[in-house]
Amino acid sequence: MKMRVGFVSNSSSTAFILDLRDEGVKEMVEQSSVQLARGLGRYTAMAAGKAAVYYAEDWISATRDWYDEGEGLGPWIMYWADRLGRENVVFARESDEGMGGFLDFPAHDVAVAEMEYH
C-alpha cells in the first residue's frame, strides 16, 4: 500500500520509502550513484538501513523546535523503519528542482510510501 502525506503546490521535494527486502529495490539501491542523504537540504539523495535511521534521528534532533512531536520527515522515516525493519528501510528523496540531479531509478514505482515536503 502506498501512502501520500500532504500537498505542496509550489517547490517541494518528494521523499520515498522503499523496502530493501524487495529484490528489485535492492538491485536499484546497489546500482544507484545517488549521494548519501545528509543535513536538512532538499537535494536528491538516499540512505539505506542504518544510514536512513541515523539520517532520521539527525533530522528529528535538528528540527525539534520546528514541528510538534511525531511530525515531519524524520518521524515519518522512523515510522517506516520500525514497520519494515531498520535494516530494510530505504529513504530516497528527489528534488523537483533537480538539486543534485534526479534519482537514477523509478522510486515512485516501488515505493511503499511517498511524501511531499518543503
Protein backbone atom coordinates (compact mmCIF):
# COMPACT_ATOMS: atom_id res chain seq x y z
CA MET A 1 0.00 0.00 0.00
CA LYS A 2 1.25 3.48 -0.89
CA MET A 3 0.59 6.41 1.37
CA ARG A 4 0.87 10.06 0.30
CA VAL A 5 1.04 12.65 3.05
CA GLY A 6 0.41 16.33 2.47
CA PHE A 7 0.34 18.51 -0.60
CA VAL A 8 2.57 21.41 -1.55
CA SER A 9 1.55 23.49 -4.54
CA ASN A 10 4.92 25.13 -5.13
CA SER A 11 8.53 23.99 -4.90
CA SER A 12 8.93 20.84 -2.88
CA SER A 13 10.81 17.60 -2.70
CA THR A 14 9.35 14.13 -2.79
CA ALA A 15 10.51 11.55 -0.29
CA PHE A 16 10.07 7.83 -0.84
CA ILE A 17 10.29 4.85 1.46
CA LEU A 18 11.43 1.63 -0.18
CA ASP A 19 11.68 -1.89 1.22
CA LEU A 20 15.15 -3.39 0.80
CA ARG A 21 13.71 -6.90 1.10
CA ASP A 22 12.32 -6.45 -2.42
CA GLU A 23 14.99 -7.83 -4.79
CA GLY A 24 14.24 -5.16 -7.42
CA VAL A 25 14.66 -2.41 -4.85
CA LYS A 26 17.86 -3.99 -3.54
CA GLU A 27 19.32 -4.07 -7.06
CA MET A 28 18.33 -0.44 -7.76
CA VAL A 29 19.85 0.76 -4.49
CA GLU A 30 23.08 -1.18 -5.03
CA GLN A 31 23.48 0.20 -8.57
CA SER A 32 22.50 3.78 -7.72
CA SER A 33 25.01 6.61 -7.79
CA VAL A 34 22.77 8.96 -5.77
CA GLN A 35 24.58 10.72 -2.95
CA LEU A 36 24.06 9.90 0.74
CA ALA A 37 21.35 11.94 2.49
CA ARG A 38 22.85 14.44 4.94
CA GLY A 39 21.62 17.62 6.53
CA LEU A 40 18.28 19.31 6.05
CA GLY A 41 18.60 20.11 2.36
CA ARG A 42 16.09 19.07 -0.28
CA TYR A 43 18.69 17.84 -2.75
CA THR A 44 18.31 14.43 -4.36
CA ALA A 45 19.79 11.82 -2.01
CA MET A 46 19.28 8.39 -0.50
CA ALA A 47 20.09 6.42 2.65
CA ALA A 48 19.52 2.73 3.34
CA GLY A 49 19.31 0.69 6.52
CA LYS A 50 21.19 2.17 9.47
CA ALA A 51 22.17 5.22 7.40
CA ALA A 52 18.45 6.01 6.92
CA VAL A 53 17.83 5.63 10.66
CA TYR A 54 20.80 7.89 11.52
CA TYR A 55 19.56 10.45 9.00
CA ALA A 56 16.07 10.40 10.53
CA GLU A 57 17.46 10.77 14.05
CA ASP A 58 19.63 13.73 12.98
CA TRP A 59 16.66 15.30 11.21
CA ILE A 60 14.49 14.93 14.32
CA SER A 61 17.19 16.46 16.52
CA ALA A 62 17.82 19.40 14.16
CA THR A 63 14.14 20.25 13.70
CA ARG A 64 12.86 19.65 17.22
CA ASP A 65 11.74 23.29 17.57
CA TRP A 66 10.03 23.39 14.17
CA TYR A 67 7.49 20.59 14.46
CA ASP A 68 5.20 19.05 17.00
CA GLU A 69 6.43 15.69 18.26
CA GLY A 70 5.93 12.99 15.66
CA GLU A 71 5.57 15.39 12.73
CA GLY A 72 7.91 15.95 9.80
CA LEU A 73 10.28 13.92 7.70
CA GLY A 74 12.37 12.33 10.47
CA PRO A 75 9.48 10.75 12.37
CA TRP A 76 7.97 9.59 9.07
CA ILE A 77 11.19 7.76 8.19
CA MET A 78 11.37 6.25 11.69
CA TYR A 79 7.77 5.04 11.44
CA TRP A 80 8.67 3.10 8.30
CA ALA A 81 12.00 1.92 9.74
CA ASP A 82 10.13 0.40 12.65
CA ARG A 83 7.48 -1.08 10.39
CA LEU A 84 9.81 -2.57 7.74
CA GLY A 85 12.77 -3.23 10.00
CA ARG A 86 15.61 -0.76 10.45
CA GLU A 87 17.93 -2.79 8.23
CA ASN A 88 15.33 -2.90 5.43
CA VAL A 89 14.22 0.73 5.17
CA VAL A 90 15.43 2.90 2.31
CA PHE A 91 14.83 6.65 2.29
CA ALA A 92 15.13 8.30 -1.12
CA ARG A 93 14.50 11.95 -1.87
CA GLU A 94 14.15 13.73 -5.19
CA SER A 95 14.08 17.49 -5.61
CA ASP A 96 11.54 18.82 -8.07
CA GLU A 97 14.20 21.37 -8.99
CA GLY A 98 16.78 18.71 -9.79
CA MET A 99 19.09 19.84 -6.99
CA GLY A 100 21.76 17.17 -7.05
CA GLY A 101 20.20 15.61 -10.13
CA PHE A 102 17.30 13.20 -10.13
CA LEU A 103 17.00 9.70 -8.72
CA ASP A 104 18.53 7.23 -11.15
CA PHE A 105 15.79 4.66 -10.53
CA PRO A 106 11.97 4.82 -10.58
CA ALA A 107 11.34 5.15 -6.84
CA HIS A 108 7.68 6.03 -7.33
CA ASP A 109 7.11 2.63 -8.96
CA VAL A 110 8.41 0.64 -6.00
CA ALA A 111 7.74 2.93 -3.03
CA VAL A 112 5.74 1.67 -0.08
CA ALA A 113 5.16 5.31 0.96
CA GLU A 114 5.63 8.75 -0.55
CA MET A 115 5.57 12.23 0.95
CA GLU A 116 6.00 15.73 -0.45
CA TYR A 117 7.62 18.28 1.81
CA HIS A 118 9.11 21.75 1.74
